PDB file of N, CA and C in Angstrom:
ATOM      1  N   MET A   1      13.927  -4.259  -1.415  1.00  0.00           N
ATOM      2  CA  MET A   1      15.128  -3.103  -1.474  1.00  0.00           C
ATOM      3  C   MET A   1      14.289  -2.492  -0.284  1.00  0.00           C
ATOM      4  N   ASP A   2      15.424  -1.596   0.032  1.00  0.00           N
ATOM      5  CA  ASP A   2      15.497  -0.815   0.935  1.00  0.00           C
ATOM      6  C   ASP A   2      15.933   1.027   0.342  1.00  0.00           C
ATOM      7  N   PHE A   3      15.022   1.686   0.184  1.00  0.00           N
ATOM      8  CA  PHE A   3      15.424   3.338   0.001  1.00  0.00           C
ATOM      9  C   PHE A   3      15.651   3.915   1.399  1.00  0.00           C
ATOM     10  N   GLY A   4      16.706   4.343   2.212  1.00  0.00           N
ATOM     11  CA  GLY A   4      16.884   5.110   2.841  1.00  0.00           C
ATOM     12  C   GLY A   4      15.868   4.990   4.292  1.00  0.00           C
ATOM     13  N   GLY A   5      15.581   3.753   4.615  1.00  0.00           N
ATOM     14  CA  GLY A   5      14.371   3.334   5.693  1.00  0.00           C
ATOM     15  C   GLY A   5      12.965   3.113   5.013  1.00  0.00           C
ATOM     16  N   LEU A   6      12.965   2.921   3.518  1.00  0.00           N
ATOM     17  CA  LEU A   6      11.246   2.684   2.861  1.00  0.00           C
ATOM     18  C   LEU A   6      11.635   1.813   2.470  1.00  0.00           C
ATOM     19  N   ASN A   7      11.481   0.573   3.357  1.00  0.00           N
ATOM     20  CA  ASN A   7      11.582  -0.757   2.911  1.00  0.00           C
ATOM     21  C   ASN A   7      10.204  -1.343   2.155  1.00  0.00           C
ATOM     22  N   LEU A   8      10.035  -1.055   1.068  1.00  0.00           N
ATOM     23  CA  LEU A   8       8.865  -1.250   0.428  1.00  0.00           C
ATOM     24  C   LEU A   8       8.852  -3.035  -0.058  1.00  0.00           C
ATOM     25  N   ASP A   9       9.387  -3.997   0.356  1.00  0.00           N
ATOM     26  CA  ASP A   9       9.231  -5.089   0.266  1.00  0.00           C
ATOM     27  C   ASP A   9       9.176  -5.703   1.562  1.00  0.00           C
ATOM     28  N   ARG A  10       8.907  -5.237   2.685  1.00  0.00           N
ATOM     29  CA  ARG A  10       8.559  -5.959   4.203  1.00  0.00           C
ATOM     30  C   ARG A  10       7.284  -6.480   4.212  1.00  0.00           C
ATOM     31  N   LYS A  11       7.233  -7.628   4.766  1.00  0.00           N
ATOM     32  CA  LYS A  11       5.919  -8.283   4.609  1.00  0.00           C
ATOM     33  C   LYS A  11       5.098  -8.205   6.166  1.00  0.00           C
ATOM     34  N   LEU A  12       4.100  -7.930   6.397  1.00  0.00           N
ATOM     35  CA  LEU A  12       3.834  -7.669   8.073  1.00  0.00           C
ATOM     36  C   LEU A  12       3.547  -9.168   8.364  1.00  0.00           C
ATOM     37  N   LYS A  13       4.150  -9.609   9.747  1.00  0.00           N
ATOM     38  CA  LYS A  13       4.197 -10.677  10.126  1.00  0.00           C
ATOM     39  C   LYS A  13       3.078 -11.263  11.429  1.00  0.00           C
ATOM     40  N   SER A  14       2.794 -10.292  11.658  1.00  0.00           N
ATOM     41  CA  SER A  14       2.284 -10.381  13.016  1.00  0.00           C
ATOM     42  C   SER A  14       0.778  -9.361  12.876  1.00  0.00           C
ATOM     43  N   CYS A  15      -0.902 -10.155  13.504  1.00  0.00           N
ATOM     44  CA  CYS A  15      -1.640  -9.412  13.423  1.00  0.00           C
ATOM     45  C   CYS A  15      -1.408  -7.919  14.393  1.00  0.00           C
ATOM     46  N   PRO A  16      -1.457  -6.456  13.645  1.00  0.00           N
ATOM     47  CA  PRO A  16      -1.586  -5.580  14.627  1.00  0.00           C
ATOM     48  C   PRO A  16      -3.035  -5.674  15.942  1.00  0.00           C
ATOM     49  N   GLU A  17      -3.837  -6.342  15.750  1.00  0.00           N
ATOM     50  CA  GLU A  17      -4.964  -6.380  16.350  1.00  0.00           C
ATOM     51  C   GLU A  17      -4.731  -7.190  18.009  1.00  0.00           C
ATOM     52  N   CYS A  18      -4.611  -8.451  17.217  1.00  0.00           N
ATOM     53  CA  CYS A  18      -4.289  -9.510  18.311  1.00  0.00           C
ATOM     54  C   CYS A  18      -3.031  -9.946  18.333  1.00  0.00           C
ATOM     55  N   GLY A  19      -2.118 -10.042  17.530  1.00  0.00           N
ATOM     56  CA  GLY A  19      -0.194 -10.404  17.852  1.00  0.00           C
ATOM     57  C   GLY A  19      -0.279 -11.524  16.911  1.00  0.00           C
ATOM     58  N   HIS A  20      -1.940 -12.441  16.568  1.00  0.00           N
ATOM     59  CA  HIS A  20      -1.436 -13.686  15.854  1.00  0.00           C
ATOM     60  C   HIS A  20      -0.617 -13.819  14.169  1.00  0.00           C
ATOM     61  N   ALA A  21      -0.411 -14.665  14.025  1.00  0.00           N
ATOM     62  CA  ALA A  21       0.566 -15.022  12.264  1.00  0.00           C
ATOM     63  C   ALA A  21      -0.288 -14.423  11.213  1.00  0.00           C
ATOM     64  N   LEU A  22      -0.219 -13.642  10.655  1.00  0.00           N
ATOM     65  CA  LEU A  22      -0.996 -13.475   9.220  1.00  0.00           C
ATOM     66  C   LEU A  22      -0.769 -14.390   8.039  1.00  0.00           C
ATOM     67  N   ASP A  23      -1.792 -14.823   7.209  1.00  0.00           N
ATOM     68  CA  ASP A  23      -1.981 -15.616   6.016  1.00  0.00           C
ATOM     69  C   ASP A  23      -1.386 -14.386   5.179  1.00  0.00           C
ATOM     70  N   TYR A  24      -0.492 -14.057   4.165  1.00  0.00           N
ATOM     71  CA  TYR A  24      -0.525 -13.309   3.297  1.00  0.00           C
ATOM     72  C   TYR A  24      -1.539 -14.089   2.207  1.00  0.00           C
ATOM     73  N   LYS A  25      -2.270 -12.896   1.373  1.00  0.00           N
ATOM     74  CA  LYS A  25      -3.457 -13.492   0.503  1.00  0.00           C
ATOM     75  C   LYS A  25      -2.820 -12.711  -0.917  1.00  0.00           C
ATOM     76  N   GLY A  26      -1.521 -12.081  -0.698  1.00  0.00           N
ATOM     77  CA  GLY A  26      -1.407 -11.407  -2.216  1.00  0.00           C
ATOM     78  C   GLY A  26      -1.592  -9.826  -2.355  1.00  0.00           C
ATOM     79  N   LEU A  27      -0.748  -9.158  -2.975  1.00  0.00           N
ATOM     80  CA  LEU A  27      -1.239  -7.700  -3.235  1.00  0.00           C
ATOM     81  C   LEU A  27      -1.487  -6.778  -2.519  1.00  0.00           C
ATOM     82  N   GLY A  28      -0.749  -7.151  -0.987  1.00  0.00           N
ATOM     83  CA  GLY A  28      -0.435  -6.568  -0.001  1.00  0.00           C
ATOM     84  C   GLY A  28      -1.788  -6.812   1.004  1.00  0.00           C
ATOM     85  N   GLU A  29      -2.318  -7.378   0.535  1.00  0.00           N
ATOM     86  CA  GLU A  29      -3.654  -8.285   1.635  1.00  0.00           C
ATOM     87  C   GLU A  29      -3.122  -9.065   2.537  1.00  0.00           C
ATOM     88  N   TYR A  30      -3.614  -9.184   4.063  1.00  0.00           N
ATOM     89  CA  TYR A  30      -3.205 -10.368   4.565  1.00  0.00           C
ATOM     90  C   TYR A  30      -4.647 -10.536   5.354  1.00  0.00           C
ATOM     91  N   PHE A  31      -4.772 -12.109   6.146  1.00  0.00           N
ATOM     92  CA  PHE A  31      -5.960 -11.937   6.999  1.00  0.00           C
ATOM     93  C   PHE A  31      -5.545 -12.612   8.003  1.00  0.00           C
ATOM     94  N   CYS A  32      -6.000 -12.636   9.603  1.00  0.00           N
ATOM     95  CA  CYS A  32      -5.925 -12.961  10.487  1.00  0.00           C
ATOM     96  C   CYS A  32      -6.873 -13.920  10.939  1.00  0.00           C
ATOM     97  N   ARG A  33      -6.605 -15.348  10.989  1.00  0.00           N
ATOM     98  CA  ARG A  33      -7.292 -16.338  11.622  1.00  0.00           C
ATOM     99  C   ARG A  33      -7.983 -16.079  12.769  1.00  0.00           C
ATOM    100  N   SER A  34      -7.164 -15.569  13.568  1.00  0.00           N
ATOM    101  CA  SER A  34      -7.453 -15.537  15.139  1.00  0.00           C
ATOM    102  C   SER A  34      -8.698 -14.332  15.159  1.00  0.00           C
ATOM    103  N   CYS A  35      -8.601 -13.307  14.706  1.00  0.00           N
ATOM    104  CA  CYS A  35      -9.854 -11.936  14.988  1.00  0.00           C
ATOM    105  C   CYS A  35     -10.531 -11.830  13.497  1.00  0.00           C
ATOM    106  N   ASP A  36     -10.620 -12.706  12.407  1.00  0.00           N
ATOM    107  CA  ASP A  36     -10.711 -12.665  11.083  1.00  0.00           C
ATOM    108  C   ASP A  36     -10.543 -11.031  10.534  1.00  0.00           C
ATOM    109  N   LYS A  37      -9.467 -10.394  10.566  1.00  0.00           N
ATOM    110  CA  LYS A  37      -9.493  -9.326  10.071  1.00  0.00           C
ATOM    111  C   LYS A  37      -9.037  -9.089   9.112  1.00  0.00           C
ATOM    112  N   LYS A  38      -8.995  -8.181   8.306  1.00  0.00           N
ATOM    113  CA  LYS A  38      -8.133  -7.993   6.937  1.00  0.00           C
ATOM    114  C   LYS A  38      -7.360  -6.995   7.075  1.00  0.00           C
ATOM    115  N   ILE A  39      -6.359  -6.799   6.563  1.00  0.00           N
ATOM    116  CA  ILE A  39      -5.036  -6.007   6.999  1.00  0.00           C
ATOM    117  C   ILE A  39      -4.052  -6.255   5.914  1.00  0.00           C
ATOM    118  N   TYR A  40      -3.890  -4.493   5.475  1.00  0.00           N
ATOM    119  CA  TYR A  40      -3.130  -4.420   4.272  1.00  0.00           C
ATOM    120  C   TYR A  40      -2.050  -3.761   5.060  1.00  0.00           C
ATOM    121  N   ASP A  41      -0.767  -4.072   4.129  1.00  0.00           N
ATOM    122  CA  ASP A  41       0.690  -3.585   3.767  1.00  0.00           C
ATOM    123  C   ASP A  41       0.582  -2.199   3.465  1.00  0.00           C
ATOM    124  N   ASP A  42       1.407  -1.269   3.116  1.00  0.00           N
ATOM    125  CA  ASP A  42       1.620   0.002   2.891  1.00  0.00           C
ATOM    126  C   ASP A  42       1.092  -0.385   1.271  1.00  0.00           C
ATOM    127  N   TYR A  43       1.824  -0.812   0.770  1.00  0.00           N
ATOM    128  CA  TYR A  43       1.360  -1.261  -0.756  1.00  0.00           C
ATOM    129  C   TYR A  43      -0.111  -1.736  -0.990  1.00  0.00           C
ATOM    130  N   GLY A  44      -0.432  -2.549  -0.071  1.00  0.00           N
ATOM    131  CA  GLY A  44      -2.362  -2.617  -0.278  1.00  0.00           C
ATOM    132  C   GLY A  44      -2.874  -1.605  -0.145  1.00  0.00           C
ATOM    133  N   LYS A  45      -2.501  -0.990   0.649  1.00  0.00           N
ATOM    134  CA  LYS A  45      -3.594   0.232   1.333  1.00  0.00           C
ATOM    135  C   LYS A  45      -3.076   1.522   0.044  1.00  0.00           C
ATOM    136  N   VAL A  46      -2.519   1.529  -0.880  1.00  0.00           N
ATOM    137  CA  VAL A  46      -2.384   2.264  -2.002  1.00  0.00           C
ATOM    138  C   VAL A  46      -3.464   1.640  -2.819  1.00  0.00           C
ATOM    139  N   ARG A  47      -3.076   0.405  -2.990  1.00  0.00           N
ATOM    140  CA  ARG A  47      -3.820  -0.340  -4.045  1.00  0.00           C
ATOM    141  C   ARG A  47      -5.004  -0.036  -3.827  1.00  0.00           C
ATOM    142  N   HIS A  48      -5.565  -0.484  -2.716  1.00  0.00           N
ATOM    143  CA  HIS A  48      -7.036  -0.734  -2.181  1.00  0.00           C
ATOM    144  C   HIS A  48      -7.249   0.756  -2.789  1.00  0.00           C
ATOM    145  N   PHE A  49      -6.839   1.728  -2.290  1.00  0.00           N
ATOM    146  CA  PHE A  49      -7.346   3.041  -2.426  1.00  0.00           C
ATOM    147  C   PHE A  49      -7.579   3.336  -3.880  1.00  0.00           C
ATOM    148  N   LEU A  50      -6.687   3.344  -4.684  1.00  0.00           N
ATOM    149  CA  LEU A  50      -6.540   3.293  -5.969  1.00  0.00           C
ATOM    150  C   LEU A  50      -7.795   2.731  -6.581  1.00  0.00           C
ATOM    151  N   GLU A  51      -7.989   1.750  -6.110  1.00  0.00           N
ATOM    152  CA  GLU A  51      -9.703   0.438  -6.748  1.00  0.00           C
ATOM    153  C   GLU A  51     -10.358   1.484  -6.267  1.00  0.00           C
ATOM    154  N   GLU A  52     -10.823   2.347  -5.226  1.00  0.00           N
ATOM    155  CA  GLU A  52     -11.738   2.970  -4.896  1.00  0.00           C
ATOM    156  C   GLU A  52     -11.669   4.103  -5.889  1.00  0.00           C
ATOM    157  N   TYR A  53     -10.629   4.677  -6.134  1.00  0.00           N
ATOM    158  CA  TYR A  53     -10.271   6.427  -6.131  1.00  0.00           C
ATOM    159  C   TYR A  53      -9.476   6.636  -7.347  1.00  0.00           C
ATOM    160  N   PRO A  54      -9.738   5.688  -8.513  1.00  0.00           N
ATOM    161  CA  PRO A  54      -8.697   5.833  -9.831  1.00  0.00           C
ATOM    162  C   PRO A  54      -8.324   6.930 -10.212  1.00  0.00           C
ATOM    163  N   GLY A  55      -7.046   7.362 -10.272  1.00  0.00           N
ATOM    164  CA  GLY A  55      -6.777   8.542 -10.619  1.00  0.00           C
ATOM    165  C   GLY A  55      -6.361   9.704  -9.429  1.00  0.00           C
ATOM    166  N   ALA A  56      -6.414   9.807  -8.260  1.00  0.00           N
ATOM    167  CA  ALA A  56      -6.104  10.002  -7.239  1.00  0.00           C
ATOM    168  C   ALA A  56      -4.518  10.746  -7.232  1.00  0.00           C
ATOM    169  N   THR A  57      -4.462  11.639  -6.734  1.00  0.00           N
ATOM    170  CA  THR A  57      -2.847  12.092  -6.658  1.00  0.00           C
ATOM    171  C   THR A  57      -2.060  11.793  -5.865  1.00  0.00           C
ATOM    172  N   VAL A  58      -0.663  11.588  -5.708  1.00  0.00           N
ATOM    173  CA  VAL A  58       0.083  11.439  -4.413  1.00  0.00           C
ATOM    174  C   VAL A  58      -0.457  11.977  -3.222  1.00  0.00           C
ATOM    175  N   VAL A  59      -0.937  12.844  -3.266  1.00  0.00           N
ATOM    176  CA  VAL A  59      -1.032  13.904  -1.958  1.00  0.00           C
ATOM    177  C   VAL A  59      -2.543  13.082  -1.054  1.00  0.00           C
ATOM    178  N   GLN A  60      -3.041  13.258  -1.841  1.00  0.00           N
ATOM    179  CA  GLN A  60      -4.681  12.878  -1.869  1.00  0.00           C
ATOM    180  C   GLN A  60      -4.674  11.100  -0.978  1.00  0.00           C
ATOM    181  N   ILE A  61      -3.743  10.207  -1.973  1.00  0.00           N
ATOM    182  CA  ILE A  61      -3.136   9.187  -1.385  1.00  0.00           C
ATOM    183  C   ILE A  61      -2.648   9.354  -0.149  1.00  0.00           C
ATOM    184  N   ALA A  62      -1.804  10.220   0.095  1.00  0.00           N
ATOM    185  CA  ALA A  62      -1.245   9.696   1.628  1.00  0.00           C
ATOM    186  C   ALA A  62      -1.953  10.286   2.357  1.00  0.00           C
ATOM    187  N   GLN A  63      -2.927  11.347   2.204  1.00  0.00           N
ATOM    188  CA  GLN A  63      -3.686  11.927   3.315  1.00  0.00           C
ATOM    189  C   GLN A  63      -4.632  10.939   3.833  1.00  0.00           C
ATOM    190  N   ALA A  64      -4.667  10.280   3.088  1.00  0.00           N
ATOM    191  CA  ALA A  64      -6.409   9.255   3.202  1.00  0.00           C
ATOM    192  C   ALA A  64      -5.710   8.216   3.590  1.00  0.00           C
ATOM    193  N   THR A  65      -4.471   7.464   3.491  1.00  0.00           N
ATOM    194  CA  THR A  65      -4.153   5.869   3.822  1.00  0.00           C
ATOM    195  C   THR A  65      -2.628   6.147   4.481  1.00  0.00           C
ATOM    196  N   GLY A  66      -2.236   7.357   4.939  1.00  0.00           N
ATOM    197  CA  GLY A  66      -1.357   7.308   5.894  1.00  0.00           C
ATOM    198  C   GLY A  66       0.038   7.067   5.616  1.00  0.00           C
ATOM    199  N   VAL A  67      -0.023   6.745   4.262  1.00  0.00           N
ATOM    200  CA  VAL A  67       1.456   6.024   3.740  1.00  0.00           C
ATOM    201  C   VAL A  67       2.063   7.080   3.082  1.00  0.00           C
ATOM    202  N   ASP A  68       3.729   7.438   3.285  1.00  0.00           N
ATOM    203  CA  ASP A  68       4.495   8.762   3.127  1.00  0.00           C
ATOM    204  C   ASP A  68       4.351   8.915   1.428  1.00  0.00           C
ATOM    205  N   LYS A  69       4.657   9.976   1.630  1.00  0.00           N
ATOM    206  CA  LYS A  69       4.610  10.842  -0.386  1.00  0.00           C
ATOM    207  C   LYS A  69       5.750  10.056  -1.033  1.00  0.00           C
ATOM    208  N   ALA A  70       7.008   9.761  -0.129  1.00  0.00           N
ATOM    209  CA  ALA A  70       8.088   9.509  -0.537  1.00  0.00           C
ATOM    210  C   ALA A  70       7.756   7.649  -1.099  1.00  0.00           C
ATOM    211  N   LYS A  71       7.369   7.360  -0.174  1.00  0.00           N
ATOM    212  CA  LYS A  71       7.189   5.522  -0.165  1.00  0.00           C
ATOM    213  C   LYS A  71       6.499   5.568  -1.197  1.00  0.00           C
ATOM    214  N   ILE A  72       5.090   6.084  -1.465  1.00  0.00           N
ATOM    215  CA  ILE A  72       4.214   5.795  -2.776  1.00  0.00           C
ATOM    216  C   ILE A  72       5.016   6.538  -4.100  1.00  0.00           C
ATOM    217  N   ARG A  73       5.777   7.896  -3.821  1.00  0.00           N
ATOM    218  CA  ARG A  73       6.464   7.959  -5.014  1.00  0.00           C
ATOM    219  C   ARG A  73       7.523   6.577  -5.273  1.00  0.00           C
ATOM    220  N   MET A  74       8.445   5.755  -4.709  1.00  0.00           N
ATOM    221  CA  MET A  74       8.910   4.783  -4.918  1.00  0.00           C
ATOM    222  C   MET A  74       8.624   3.706  -5.661  1.00  0.00           C
ATOM    223  N   MET A  75       6.890   3.766  -4.874  1.00  0.00           N
ATOM    224  CA  MET A  75       6.176   2.638  -5.613  1.00  0.00           C
ATOM    225  C   MET A  75       6.051   2.645  -6.778  1.00  0.00           C
ATOM    226  N   VAL A  76       6.108   4.108  -7.397  1.00  0.00           N
ATOM    227  CA  VAL A  76       5.944   4.366  -8.941  1.00  0.00           C
ATOM    228  C   VAL A  76       7.154   3.711  -9.626  1.00  0.00           C
ATOM    229  N   GLN A  77       8.304   4.672  -8.857  1.00  0.00           N
ATOM    230  CA  GLN A  77       9.864   4.082  -9.717  1.00  0.00           C
ATOM    231  C   GLN A  77       9.731   2.921  -9.930  1.00  0.00           C
ATOM    232  N   GLN A  78       8.979   1.959  -9.078  1.00  0.00           N
ATOM    233  CA  GLN A  78       9.561   0.475  -8.916  1.00  0.00           C
ATOM    234  C   GLN A  78       8.237  -0.005  -9.921  1.00  0.00           C
ATOM    235  N   GLU A  79       7.706   0.885 -10.179  1.00  0.00           N
ATOM    236  CA  GLU A  79       6.277   0.474 -11.689  1.00  0.00           C
ATOM    237  C   GLU A  79       5.391  -0.431 -11.014  1.00  0.00           C
ATOM    238  N   LYS A  80       4.966  -0.108  -9.677  1.00  0.00           N
ATOM    239  CA  LYS A  80       3.949  -1.182  -8.962  1.00  0.00           C
ATOM    240  C   LYS A  80       2.719  -0.145  -9.226  1.00  0.00           C
ATOM    241  N   PHE A  81       2.451   1.186  -9.351  1.00  0.00           N
ATOM    242  CA  PHE A  81       1.491   1.692 -10.120  1.00  0.00           C
ATOM    243  C   PHE A  81       2.024   2.556 -11.352  1.00  0.00           C
ATOM    244  N   VAL A  82       0.876   3.068 -12.373  1.00  0.00           N
ATOM    245  CA  VAL A  82       1.520   3.668 -13.268  1.00  0.00           C
ATOM    246  C   VAL A  82       0.737   5.140 -13.290  1.00  0.00           C
ATOM    247  N   ILE A  83       1.561   6.271 -13.734  1.00  0.00           N
ATOM    248  CA  ILE A  83       1.133   7.340 -13.559  1.00  0.00           C
ATOM    249  C   ILE A  83       0.196   7.971 -15.077  1.00  0.00           C
ATOM    250  N   ASN A  84      -0.945   8.711 -14.630  1.00  0.00           N
ATOM    251  CA  ASN A  84      -1.375   8.649 -15.851  1.00  0.00           C
ATOM    252  C   ASN A  84      -1.391  10.329 -16.212  1.00  0.00           C
ATOM    253  N   GLY A  85      -0.610  10.165 -17.551  1.00  0.00           N
ATOM    254  CA  GLY A  85      -0.390  11.616 -18.068  1.00  0.00           C
ATOM    255  C   GLY A  85      -1.153  12.701 -18.052  1.00  0.00           C
ATOM    256  N   SER A  86      -2.351  12.086 -18.687  1.00  0.00           N
ATOM    257  CA  SER A  86      -3.516  12.535 -19.317  1.00  0.00           C
ATOM    258  C   SER A  86      -4.163  13.657 -18.200  1.00  0.00           C
ATOM    259  N   SER A  87      -4.218  13.201 -17.057  1.00  0.00           N
ATOM    260  CA  SER A  87      -4.747  13.474 -15.772  1.00  0.00           C
ATOM    261  C   SER A  87      -4.010  13.987 -14.751  1.00  0.00           C
ATOM    262  N   GLY A  88      -2.769  14.803 -15.530  1.00  0.00           N
ATOM    263  CA  GLY A  88      -1.938  15.893 -14.721  1.00  0.00           C
ATOM    264  C   GLY A  88      -1.225  14.867 -13.660  1.00  0.00           C
ATOM    265  N   GLY A  89      -0.902  14.042 -13.969  1.00  0.00           N
ATOM    266  CA  GLY A  89       0.441  13.240 -12.956  1.00  0.00           C
ATOM    267  C   GLY A  89      -0.343  12.191 -11.649  1.00  0.00           C
ATOM    268  N   SER A  90      -1.763  12.097 -11.951  1.00  0.00           N
ATOM    269  CA  SER A  90      -2.554  10.839 -11.389  1.00  0.00           C
ATOM    270  C   SER A  90      -2.005   9.870 -11.169  1.00  0.00           C
ATOM    271  N   LEU A  91      -2.368   9.163 -10.166  1.00  0.00           N
ATOM    272  CA  LEU A  91      -2.032   7.399 -10.400  1.00  0.00           C
ATOM    273  C   LEU A  91      -3.121   6.612 -10.648  1.00  0.00           C
ATOM    274  N   MET A  92      -2.920   5.578 -11.610  1.00  0.00           N
ATOM    275  CA  MET A  92      -3.657   4.395 -11.810  1.00  0.00           C
ATOM    276  C   MET A  92      -3.438   3.044 -11.793  1.00  0.00           C
TER     277      MET A  92
END
């Protein structure tokens, strides 16, 4: 789906480090066989951050990952993440 330029389903094709093809491992994570780098798409960046910092706010996630707040909100709307209502709107 594309939400005004916020393509949430776009998969990475090549390694930003060396340009070689990436292997998709799932859940927003890729691996480059050429340079042995683990690469994350925007979903993977948010998911990985929330694994370390559960309950972080959208603003905290955006600042730490560089993923646009609107894109994070779209991920929530698509139910890729769940809002934790008991902690004032943080994600889990």
